[in-house]
Amino acid sequence: RRCPHLNADLTRFGIVEGNQLTCQLHGWKFDLASGRCLTSVGHEIRSEPAGNNL
């Protein structure tokens, strides 16, 4: 839920485009399937299926 860079709340500051989540505060991008950070090595986020709750 939080960006590893400055702990930004990605439910408020994240934008989903395709299979990527981008933090609007500093532009860090994450792969939604794996949680891997695409802009900074070693700063993954936990990635879990959303299920049918959305």
Protein backbone atom coordinates (compact mmCIF):
# COMPACT_ATOMS: atom_id res chain seq x y z
CA ARG A 1 0.00 0.00 0.00
CA ARG A 2 2.92 2.34 0.56
CA CYS A 3 5.68 3.45 -1.78
CA PRO A 4 9.09 2.55 -0.33
CA HIS A 5 10.28 6.06 -1.24
CA LEU A 6 9.04 8.41 1.50
CA ASN A 7 6.19 6.02 2.46
CA ALA A 8 3.58 7.65 0.20
CA ASP A 9 0.10 6.09 0.36
CA LEU A 10 -0.37 4.52 -3.07
CA THR A 11 -4.14 4.31 -2.62
CA ARG A 12 -4.11 8.13 -2.74
CA PHE A 13 -1.05 8.90 -4.86
CA GLY A 14 -0.84 5.89 -7.18
CA ILE A 15 -2.00 5.69 -10.79
CA VAL A 16 -2.61 2.33 -12.48
CA GLU A 17 -1.85 2.09 -16.20
CA GLY A 18 -1.99 -1.39 -17.67
CA ASN A 19 0.08 -3.63 -15.42
CA GLN A 20 2.01 -0.76 -13.79
CA LEU A 21 1.44 1.34 -10.69
CA THR A 22 3.10 4.76 -10.64
CA CYS A 23 3.58 6.87 -7.52
CA GLN A 24 2.56 10.41 -8.47
CA LEU A 25 4.85 12.00 -5.88
CA HIS A 26 8.19 10.97 -7.38
CA GLY A 27 7.41 8.82 -10.41
CA TRP A 28 8.50 5.43 -9.10
CA LYS A 29 6.89 2.62 -11.15
CA PHE A 30 5.98 -0.88 -9.99
CA ASP A 31 4.97 -4.04 -11.85
CA LEU A 32 1.58 -5.02 -10.39
CA ALA A 33 2.04 -8.75 -11.03
CA SER A 34 5.38 -9.10 -9.26
CA GLY A 35 5.66 -5.96 -7.09
CA ARG A 36 9.07 -5.27 -8.64
CA CYS A 37 10.14 -1.64 -8.74
CA LEU A 38 10.87 -0.69 -12.36
CA THR A 39 12.71 2.54 -11.56
CA SER A 40 14.89 1.68 -8.55
CA VAL A 41 16.49 -1.71 -7.90
CA GLY A 42 15.70 -3.37 -4.57
CA HIS A 43 12.57 -1.39 -3.65
CA GLU A 44 9.82 -3.92 -4.30
CA ILE A 45 6.28 -3.66 -2.95
CA ARG A 46 4.13 -6.58 -1.84
CA SER A 47 1.79 -7.63 -4.63
CA GLU A 48 -1.39 -9.62 -3.93
CA PRO A 49 -4.41 -10.49 -6.09
CA ALA A 50 -7.32 -8.14 -5.44
CA GLY A 51 -9.94 -10.86 -5.75
CA ASN A 52 -13.57 -9.91 -6.29
CA ASN A 53 -13.73 -7.25 -3.58
CA LEU A 54 -13.29 -4.29 -5.91
